[in-house]
């Protein structure tokens, strides 16, 4: 897997984690709530 040099947005990172089943979709929803950033 090649290293990506472009910066990922929070949303993209969260989506990747969900895809890899690192986190659940419920956790992802919480992470994407703006007040946490």
N, C-alpha and C. Protein backbone atom coordinates (compact mmCIF):
# COMPACT_ATOMS: atom_id res chain seq x y z
N UNK A 1 0.84 -1.20 0.00
CA UNK A 1 0.00 0.00 0.00
C UNK A 1 0.87 1.24 0.00
N UNK A 2 0.68 2.08 -0.97
CA UNK A 2 1.50 3.28 -1.08
C UNK A 2 1.13 4.32 -0.03
N UNK A 3 2.14 5.05 0.40
CA UNK A 3 1.89 6.14 1.34
C UNK A 3 1.28 7.30 0.57
N UNK A 4 0.19 7.81 1.07
CA UNK A 4 -0.45 8.95 0.40
C UNK A 4 0.14 10.23 0.96
N UNK A 5 0.47 11.13 0.06
CA UNK A 5 1.09 12.38 0.50
C UNK A 5 0.09 13.49 0.69
N UNK A 6 -1.12 13.30 0.16
CA UNK A 6 -2.11 14.35 0.35
C UNK A 6 -2.73 14.23 1.74
N UNK A 7 -3.05 15.37 2.32
CA UNK A 7 -3.65 15.36 3.64
C UNK A 7 -5.11 14.92 3.54
N UNK A 8 -5.49 14.05 4.44
CA UNK A 8 -6.87 13.59 4.46
C UNK A 8 -7.69 14.47 5.40
N UNK A 9 -8.94 14.65 5.06
CA UNK A 9 -9.82 15.38 5.96
C UNK A 9 -10.22 14.43 7.08
N UNK A 10 -10.73 14.98 8.15
CA UNK A 10 -11.18 14.16 9.27
C UNK A 10 -12.20 13.14 8.79
N UNK A 11 -13.10 13.60 7.93
CA UNK A 11 -14.15 12.72 7.43
C UNK A 11 -13.57 11.54 6.65
N UNK A 12 -12.57 11.82 5.85
CA UNK A 12 -11.93 10.75 5.06
C UNK A 12 -11.23 9.74 5.98
N UNK A 13 -10.54 10.25 6.98
CA UNK A 13 -9.85 9.37 7.92
C UNK A 13 -10.84 8.48 8.65
N UNK A 14 -11.93 9.10 9.13
CA UNK A 14 -12.96 8.33 9.83
C UNK A 14 -13.55 7.26 8.93
N UNK A 15 -13.81 7.63 7.68
CA UNK A 15 -14.38 6.66 6.73
C UNK A 15 -13.44 5.47 6.52
N UNK A 16 -12.15 5.76 6.42
CA UNK A 16 -11.16 4.70 6.26
C UNK A 16 -11.17 3.77 7.48
N UNK A 17 -11.24 4.36 8.66
CA UNK A 17 -11.26 3.55 9.88
C UNK A 17 -12.50 2.67 9.94
N UNK A 18 -13.62 3.20 9.50
CA UNK A 18 -14.85 2.40 9.46
C UNK A 18 -14.70 1.27 8.45
N UNK A 19 -14.15 1.59 7.29
CA UNK A 19 -13.96 0.58 6.24
C UNK A 19 -13.07 -0.57 6.74
N UNK A 20 -12.06 -0.21 7.53
CA UNK A 20 -11.14 -1.23 8.05
C UNK A 20 -11.67 -1.87 9.33
N UNK A 21 -12.85 -1.44 9.74
CA UNK A 21 -13.49 -1.94 10.96
C UNK A 21 -12.64 -1.68 12.20
N UNK A 22 -11.93 -0.56 12.17
CA UNK A 22 -11.16 -0.13 13.34
C UNK A 22 -12.13 0.48 14.35
N UNK A 23 -13.08 1.23 13.83
CA UNK A 23 -14.12 1.82 14.67
C UNK A 23 -15.48 1.49 14.07
N UNK A 24 -16.52 1.58 14.90
CA UNK A 24 -17.87 1.31 14.41
C UNK A 24 -18.46 2.57 13.79
N UNK A 25 -19.54 2.41 13.06
CA UNK A 25 -20.18 3.57 12.44
C UNK A 25 -20.74 4.52 13.49
N UNK A 26 -21.16 3.98 14.63
CA UNK A 26 -21.67 4.83 15.71
C UNK A 26 -20.56 5.74 16.23
N UNK A 27 -19.38 5.17 16.39
CA UNK A 27 -18.24 5.96 16.84
C UNK A 27 -17.90 7.02 15.80
N UNK A 28 -17.96 6.64 14.54
CA UNK A 28 -17.67 7.56 13.45
C UNK A 28 -18.62 8.75 13.48
N UNK A 29 -19.90 8.48 13.72
CA UNK A 29 -20.89 9.56 13.77
C UNK A 29 -20.53 10.56 14.86
N UNK A 30 -20.12 10.04 16.02
CA UNK A 30 -19.74 10.91 17.13
C UNK A 30 -18.51 11.74 16.77
N UNK A 31 -17.53 11.09 16.14
CA UNK A 31 -16.30 11.79 15.77
C UNK A 31 -16.55 12.91 14.76
N UNK A 32 -17.58 12.73 13.93
CA UNK A 32 -17.85 13.72 12.90
C UNK A 32 -18.75 14.86 13.37
N UNK A 33 -19.16 14.81 14.65
CA UNK A 33 -19.93 15.94 15.19
C UNK A 33 -18.94 17.09 15.41
N UNK A 34 -19.18 18.22 14.76
CA UNK A 34 -18.23 19.35 14.76
C UNK A 34 -17.75 19.80 16.13
N UNK A 35 -18.57 19.70 17.16
CA UNK A 35 -18.15 20.23 18.46
C UNK A 35 -16.95 19.52 19.06
N UNK A 36 -16.62 18.35 18.52
CA UNK A 36 -15.46 17.64 19.04
C UNK A 36 -14.15 18.13 18.44
N UNK A 37 -14.22 19.06 17.50
CA UNK A 37 -13.00 19.52 16.83
C UNK A 37 -12.71 20.96 17.14
